[in-house]
Amino acid sequence: MKRSIERKLERAREDLNKIAEVRGMQDPLVLQKSQSLDELVNRFLQLQHQKNKKATPSSFSRTKGLPFP
């Protein structure tokens, strides 16, 4: 799933750059594409956070926040 979102992010970024070159940064379509890209970035970061959240509780002590010996 991560790879799929990464591909979508790259494609959305490329589209945004092409449209912005032609229409300018203040064009409504450019702003819409920028918002869509922001949503994809947020989704990607949420997935990263969930992945990291699942990996960390078992590797750290609850009392000291240090790795188990």
PDB file of N, CA and C in Angstrom:
ATOM      1  N   MET A   1       0.815  -1.194   0.000  1.00  0.00           N
ATOM      2  CA  MET A   1       0.000   0.000   0.000  1.00  0.00           C
ATOM      3  C   MET A   1       0.865   1.267   0.000  1.00  0.00           C
ATOM      4  N   LYS A   2       1.979   1.216   0.731  1.00  0.00           N
ATOM      5  CA  LYS A   2       2.869   2.369   0.798  1.00  0.00           C
ATOM      6  C   LYS A   2       3.371   2.750  -0.594  1.00  0.00           C
ATOM      7  N   ARG A   3       3.757   1.756  -1.365  1.00  0.00           N
ATOM      8  CA  ARG A   3       4.271   2.021  -2.716  1.00  0.00           C
ATOM      9  C   ARG A   3       3.206   2.673  -3.586  1.00  0.00           C
ATOM     10  N   SER A   4       1.976   2.241  -3.442  1.00  0.00           N
ATOM     11  CA  SER A   4       0.876   2.798  -4.217  1.00  0.00           C
ATOM     12  C   SER A   4       0.691   4.282  -3.897  1.00  0.00           C
ATOM     13  N   ILE A   5       0.732   4.618  -2.626  1.00  0.00           N
ATOM     14  CA  ILE A   5       0.581   6.018  -2.229  1.00  0.00           C
ATOM     15  C   ILE A   5       1.786   6.830  -2.696  1.00  0.00           C
ATOM     16  N   GLU A   6       2.961   6.250  -2.619  1.00  0.00           N
ATOM     17  CA  GLU A   6       4.152   6.960  -3.091  1.00  0.00           C
ATOM     18  C   GLU A   6       4.040   7.275  -4.581  1.00  0.00           C
ATOM     19  N   ARG A   7       3.536   6.318  -5.359  1.00  0.00           N
ATOM     20  CA  ARG A   7       3.342   6.549  -6.799  1.00  0.00           C
ATOM     21  C   ARG A   7       2.298   7.645  -7.037  1.00  0.00           C
ATOM     22  N   LYS A   8       1.214   7.601  -6.268  1.00  0.00           N
ATOM     23  CA  LYS A   8       0.183   8.621  -6.404  1.00  0.00           C
ATOM     24  C   LYS A   8       0.720   9.994  -6.020  1.00  0.00           C
ATOM     25  N   LEU A   9       1.533  10.045  -4.978  1.00  0.00           N
ATOM     26  CA  LEU A   9       2.141  11.311  -4.567  1.00  0.00           C
ATOM     27  C   LEU A   9       3.019  11.886  -5.681  1.00  0.00           C
ATOM     28  N   GLU A  10       3.847  11.053  -6.239  1.00  0.00           N
ATOM     29  CA  GLU A  10       4.741  11.510  -7.301  1.00  0.00           C
ATOM     30  C   GLU A  10       3.951  11.994  -8.520  1.00  0.00           C
ATOM     31  N   ARG A  11       2.942  11.242  -8.902  1.00  0.00           N
ATOM     32  CA  ARG A  11       2.113  11.621 -10.050  1.00  0.00           C
ATOM     33  C   ARG A  11       1.378  12.936  -9.776  1.00  0.00           C
ATOM     34  N   ALA A  12       0.820  13.083  -8.583  1.00  0.00           N
ATOM     35  CA  ALA A  12       0.094  14.302  -8.227  1.00  0.00           C
ATOM     36  C   ALA A  12       1.038  15.508  -8.200  1.00  0.00           C
ATOM     37  N   ARG A  13       2.241  15.304  -7.702  1.00  0.00           N
ATOM     38  CA  ARG A  13       3.231  16.388  -7.657  1.00  0.00           C
ATOM     39  C   ARG A  13       3.617  16.826  -9.071  1.00  0.00           C
ATOM     40  N   GLU A  14       3.841  15.853  -9.946  1.00  0.00           N
ATOM     41  CA  GLU A  14       4.193  16.176 -11.331  1.00  0.00           C
ATOM     42  C   GLU A  14       3.057  16.928 -12.025  1.00  0.00           C
ATOM     43  N   ASP A  15       1.819  16.444 -11.828  1.00  0.00           N
ATOM     44  CA  ASP A  15       0.663  17.117 -12.422  1.00  0.00           C
ATOM     45  C   ASP A  15       0.542  18.551 -11.921  1.00  0.00           C
ATOM     46  N   LEU A  16       0.699  18.724 -10.622  1.00  0.00           N
ATOM     47  CA  LEU A  16       0.606  20.052 -10.023  1.00  0.00           C
ATOM     48  C   LEU A  16       1.649  20.987 -10.622  1.00  0.00           C
ATOM     49  N   ASN A  17       2.877  20.525 -10.741  1.00  0.00           N
ATOM     50  CA  ASN A  17       3.940  21.363 -11.300  1.00  0.00           C
ATOM     51  C   ASN A  17       3.657  21.757 -12.745  1.00  0.00           C
ATOM     52  N   LYS A  18       3.179  20.815 -13.549  1.00  0.00           N
ATOM     53  CA  LYS A  18       2.877  21.106 -14.963  1.00  0.00           C
ATOM     54  C   LYS A  18       1.756  22.130 -15.082  1.00  0.00           C
ATOM     55  N   ILE A  19       0.698  21.942 -14.310  1.00  0.00           N
ATOM     56  CA  ILE A  19      -0.439  22.861 -14.381  1.00  0.00           C
ATOM     57  C   ILE A  19      -0.046  24.242 -13.869  1.00  0.00           C
ATOM     58  N   ALA A  20       0.747  24.280 -12.805  1.00  0.00           N
ATOM     59  CA  ALA A  20       1.177  25.565 -12.242  1.00  0.00           C
ATOM     60  C   ALA A  20       2.051  26.343 -13.220  1.00  0.00           C
ATOM     61  N   GLU A  21       2.868  25.655 -13.989  1.00  0.00           N
ATOM     62  CA  GLU A  21       3.714  26.329 -14.983  1.00  0.00           C
ATOM     63  C   GLU A  21       2.868  27.028 -16.032  1.00  0.00           C
ATOM     64  N   VAL A  22       1.780  26.387 -16.433  1.00  0.00           N
ATOM     65  CA  VAL A  22       0.937  26.922 -17.498  1.00  0.00           C
ATOM     66  C   VAL A  22      -0.048  27.974 -16.973  1.00  0.00           C
ATOM     67  N   ARG A  23      -0.675  27.678 -15.845  1.00  0.00           N
ATOM     68  CA  ARG A  23      -1.776  28.517 -15.366  1.00  0.00           C
ATOM     69  C   ARG A  23      -1.390  29.522 -14.292  1.00  0.00           C
ATOM     70  N   GLY A  24      -0.268  29.315 -13.645  1.00  0.00           N
ATOM     71  CA  GLY A  24       0.122  30.198 -12.552  1.00  0.00           C
ATOM     72  C   GLY A  24      -0.335  29.644 -11.213  1.00  0.00           C
ATOM     73  N   MET A  25       0.315  30.109 -10.161  1.00  0.00           N
ATOM     74  CA  MET A  25       0.094  29.557  -8.828  1.00  0.00           C
ATOM     75  C   MET A  25      -1.269  29.890  -8.233  1.00  0.00           C
ATOM     76  N   GLN A  26      -1.926  30.939  -8.689  1.00  0.00           N
ATOM     77  CA  GLN A  26      -3.192  31.358  -8.101  1.00  0.00           C
ATOM     78  C   GLN A  26      -4.414  30.791  -8.819  1.00  0.00           C
ATOM     79  N   ASP A  27      -4.200  30.022  -9.853  1.00  0.00           N
ATOM     80  CA  ASP A  27      -5.325  29.449 -10.600  1.00  0.00           C
ATOM     81  C   ASP A  27      -6.105  28.468  -9.711  1.00  0.00           C
ATOM     82  N   PRO A  28      -7.439  28.486  -9.792  1.00  0.00           N
ATOM     83  CA  PRO A  28      -8.249  27.578  -8.963  1.00  0.00           C
ATOM     84  C   PRO A  28      -7.922  26.096  -9.162  1.00  0.00           C
ATOM     85  N   LEU A  29      -7.609  25.690 -10.375  1.00  0.00           N
ATOM     86  CA  LEU A  29      -7.259  24.291 -10.618  1.00  0.00           C
ATOM     87  C   LEU A  29      -5.945  23.929  -9.918  1.00  0.00           C
ATOM     88  N   VAL A  30      -5.005  24.834  -9.919  1.00  0.00           N
ATOM     89  CA  VAL A  30      -3.728  24.607  -9.234  1.00  0.00           C
ATOM     90  C   VAL A  30      -3.970  24.474  -7.734  1.00  0.00           C
ATOM     91  N   LEU A  31      -4.798  25.322  -7.189  1.00  0.00           N
ATOM     92  CA  LEU A  31      -5.103  25.250  -5.761  1.00  0.00           C
ATOM     93  C   LEU A  31      -5.817  23.943  -5.420  1.00  0.00           C
ATOM     94  N   GLN A  32      -6.719  23.512  -6.297  1.00  0.00           N
ATOM     95  CA  GLN A  32      -7.426  22.241  -6.082  1.00  0.00           C
ATOM     96  C   GLN A  32      -6.449  21.064  -6.116  1.00  0.00           C
ATOM     97  N   LYS A  33      -5.550  21.069  -7.082  1.00  0.00           N
ATOM     98  CA  LYS A  33      -4.552  19.995  -7.184  1.00  0.00           C
ATOM     99  C   LYS A  33      -3.612  20.016  -5.972  1.00  0.00           C
ATOM    100  N   SER A  34      -3.278  21.195  -5.498  1.00  0.00           N
ATOM    101  CA  SER A  34      -2.426  21.316  -4.320  1.00  0.00           C
ATOM    102  C   SER A  34      -3.116  20.738  -3.085  1.00  0.00           C
ATOM    103  N   GLN A  35      -4.403  20.989  -2.936  1.00  0.00           N
ATOM    104  CA  GLN A  35      -5.158  20.433  -1.818  1.00  0.00           C
ATOM    105  C   GLN A  35      -5.225  18.907  -1.906  1.00  0.00           C
ATOM    106  N   SER A  36      -5.406  18.405  -3.114  1.00  0.00           N
ATOM    107  CA  SER A  36      -5.429  16.946  -3.300  1.00  0.00           C
ATOM    108  C   SER A  36      -4.084  16.330  -2.928  1.00  0.00           C
ATOM    109  N   LEU A  37      -3.015  16.991  -3.321  1.00  0.00           N
ATOM    110  CA  LEU A  37      -1.679  16.519  -2.965  1.00  0.00           C
ATOM    111  C   LEU A  37      -1.494  16.558  -1.446  1.00  0.00           C
ATOM    112  N   ASP A  38      -1.966  17.601  -0.799  1.00  0.00           N
ATOM    113  CA  ASP A  38      -1.890  17.687   0.665  1.00  0.00           C
ATOM    114  C   ASP A  38      -2.609  16.511   1.323  1.00  0.00           C
ATOM    115  N   GLU A  39      -3.771  16.146   0.793  1.00  0.00           N
ATOM    116  CA  GLU A  39      -4.524  15.015   1.345  1.00  0.00           C
ATOM    117  C   GLU A  39      -3.746  13.711   1.207  1.00  0.00           C
ATOM    118  N   LEU A  40      -3.107  13.523   0.060  1.00  0.00           N
ATOM    119  CA  LEU A  40      -2.286  12.322  -0.137  1.00  0.00           C
ATOM    120  C   LEU A  40      -1.103  12.293   0.830  1.00  0.00           C
ATOM    121  N   VAL A  41      -0.464  13.438   1.019  1.00  0.00           N
ATOM    122  CA  VAL A  41       0.658  13.514   1.954  1.00  0.00           C
ATOM    123  C   VAL A  41       0.187  13.178   3.360  1.00  0.00           C
ATOM    124  N   ASN A  42      -0.952  13.726   3.746  1.00  0.00           N
ATOM    125  CA  ASN A  42      -1.489  13.431   5.081  1.00  0.00           C
ATOM    126  C   ASN A  42      -1.802  11.946   5.242  1.00  0.00           C
ATOM    127  N   ARG A  43      -2.369  11.334   4.220  1.00  0.00           N
ATOM    128  CA  ARG A  43      -2.672   9.900   4.279  1.00  0.00           C
ATOM    129  C   ARG A  43      -1.382   9.085   4.411  1.00  0.00           C
ATOM    130  N   PHE A  44      -0.369   9.465   3.648  1.00  0.00           N
ATOM    131  CA  PHE A  44       0.922   8.787   3.715  1.00  0.00           C
ATOM    132  C   PHE A  44       1.522   8.908   5.119  1.00  0.00           C
ATOM    133  N   LEU A  45       1.483  10.102   5.675  1.00  0.00           N
ATOM    134  CA  LEU A  45       2.039  10.315   7.012  1.00  0.00           C
ATOM    135  C   LEU A  45       1.263   9.557   8.082  1.00  0.00           C
ATOM    136  N   GLN A  46      -0.046   9.457   7.924  1.00  0.00           N
ATOM    137  CA  GLN A  46      -0.858   8.678   8.862  1.00  0.00           C
ATOM    138  C   GLN A  46      -0.452   7.210   8.823  1.00  0.00           C
ATOM    139  N   LEU A  47      -0.238   6.688   7.629  1.00  0.00           N
ATOM    140  CA  LEU A  47       0.194   5.294   7.504  1.00  0.00           C
ATOM    141  C   LEU A  47       1.560   5.087   8.141  1.00  0.00           C
ATOM    142  N   GLN A  48       2.463   6.030   7.938  1.00  0.00           N
ATOM    143  CA  GLN A  48       3.785   5.950   8.545  1.00  0.00           C
ATOM    144  C   GLN A  48       3.676   5.969  10.065  1.00  0.00           C
ATOM    145  N   HIS A  49       2.823   6.846  10.573  1.00  0.00           N
ATOM    146  CA  HIS A  49       2.642   6.963  12.021  1.00  0.00           C
ATOM    147  C   HIS A  49       2.067   5.671  12.595  1.00  0.00           C
ATOM    148  N   GLN A  50       1.081   5.092  11.917  1.00  0.00           N
ATOM    149  CA  GLN A  50       0.486   3.839  12.381  1.00  0.00           C
ATOM    150  C   GLN A  50       1.516   2.723  12.379  1.00  0.00           C
ATOM    151  N   LYS A  51       2.329   2.682  11.354  1.00  0.00           N
ATOM    152  CA  LYS A  51       3.370   1.659  11.255  1.00  0.00           C
ATOM    153  C   LYS A  51       4.365   1.812  12.407  1.00  0.00           C
ATOM    154  N   ASN A  52       4.793   3.035  12.668  1.00  0.00           N
ATOM    155  CA  ASN A  52       5.752   3.294  13.748  1.00  0.00           C
ATOM    156  C   ASN A  52       5.131   3.043  15.107  1.00  0.00           C
ATOM    157  N   LYS A  53       3.881   3.368  15.256  1.00  0.00           N
ATOM    158  CA  LYS A  53       3.188   3.180  16.527  1.00  0.00           C
ATOM    159  C   LYS A  53       3.084   1.701  16.877  1.00  0.00           C
ATOM    160  N   LYS A  54       2.857   0.866  15.889  1.00  0.00           N
ATOM    161  CA  LYS A  54       2.769  -0.577  16.112  1.00  0.00           C
ATOM    162  C   LYS A  54       4.126  -1.175  16.463  1.00  0.00           C
ATOM    163  N   ALA A  55       5.187  -0.594  15.961  1.00  0.00           N
ATOM    164  CA  ALA A  55       6.522  -1.165  16.142  1.00  0.00           C
ATOM    165  C   ALA A  55       7.177  -0.774  17.464  1.00  0.00           C
ATOM    166  N   THR A  56       6.814   0.351  18.053  1.00  0.00           N
ATOM    167  CA  THR A  56       7.564   0.845  19.202  1.00  0.00           C
ATOM    168  C   THR A  56       7.138   0.338  20.578  1.00  0.00           C
ATOM    169  N   PRO A  57       5.874   0.055  20.883  1.00  0.00           N
ATOM    170  CA  PRO A  57       5.540  -0.273  22.284  1.00  0.00           C
ATOM    171  C   PRO A  57       6.296  -1.461  22.861  1.00  0.00           C
ATOM    172  N   SER A  58       6.531  -2.489  22.083  1.00  0.00           N
ATOM    173  CA  SER A  58       7.187  -3.673  22.628  1.00  0.00           C
ATOM    174  C   SER A  58       8.694  -3.494  22.794  1.00  0.00           C
ATOM    175  N   SER A  59       9.275  -2.494  22.188  1.00  0.00           N
ATOM    176  CA  SER A  59      10.724  -2.344  22.260  1.00  0.00           C
ATOM    177  C   SER A  59      11.178  -1.340  23.312  1.00  0.00           C
ATOM    178  N   PHE A  60      10.260  -0.689  24.017  1.00  0.00           N
ATOM    179  CA  PHE A  60      10.633   0.294  25.021  1.00  0.00           C
ATOM    180  C   PHE A  60       9.968  -0.014  26.356  1.00  0.00           C
ATOM    181  N   SER A  61      10.707   0.275  27.412  1.00  0.00           N
ATOM    182  CA  SER A  61      10.190   0.111  28.766  1.00  0.00           C
ATOM    183  C   SER A  61       9.124   1.168  29.027  1.00  0.00           C
ATOM    184  N   ARG A  62       8.055   0.789  29.681  1.00  0.00           N
ATOM    185  CA  ARG A  62       6.989   1.745  29.977  1.00  0.00           C
ATOM    186  C   ARG A  62       7.406   2.759  31.032  1.00  0.00           C
ATOM    187  N   THR A  63       8.281   2.382  31.916  1.00  0.00           N
ATOM    188  CA  THR A  63       8.630   3.269  33.018  1.00  0.00           C
ATOM    189  C   THR A  63       9.735   4.269  32.663  1.00  0.00           C
ATOM    190  N   LYS A  64      10.720   3.841  31.926  1.00  0.00           N
ATOM    191  CA  LYS A  64      11.868   4.708  31.656  1.00  0.00           C
ATOM    192  C   LYS A  64      11.972   5.132  30.199  1.00  0.00           C
ATOM    193  N   GLY A  65      11.214   4.512  29.306  1.00  0.00           N
ATOM    194  CA  GLY A  65      11.329   4.837  27.893  1.00  0.00           C
ATOM    195  C   GLY A  65      12.634   4.361  27.296  1.00  0.00           C
ATOM    196  N   LEU A  66      13.276   3.366  27.926  1.00  0.00           N
ATOM    197  CA  LEU A  66      14.540   2.852  27.432  1.00  0.00           C
ATOM    198  C   LEU A  66      14.348   1.433  26.882  1.00  0.00           C
ATOM    199  N   PRO A  67      15.167   1.055  25.915  1.00  0.00           N
ATOM    200  CA  PRO A  67      15.068  -0.314  25.385  1.00  0.00           C
ATOM    201  C   PRO A  67      15.313  -1.335  26.485  1.00  0.00           C
ATOM    202  N   PHE A  68      14.653  -2.457  26.365  1.00  0.00           N
ATOM    203  CA  PHE A  68      14.871  -3.537  27.322  1.00  0.00           C
ATOM    204  C   PHE A  68      16.293  -4.067  27.181  1.00  0.00           C
ATOM    205  N   PRO A  69      16.915  -4.478  28.309  1.00  0.00           N
ATOM    206  CA  PRO A  69      18.283  -5.006  28.246  1.00  0.00           C
ATOM    207  C   PRO A  69      18.335  -6.325  27.515  1.00  0.00           C
TER     208      PRO A  69
END
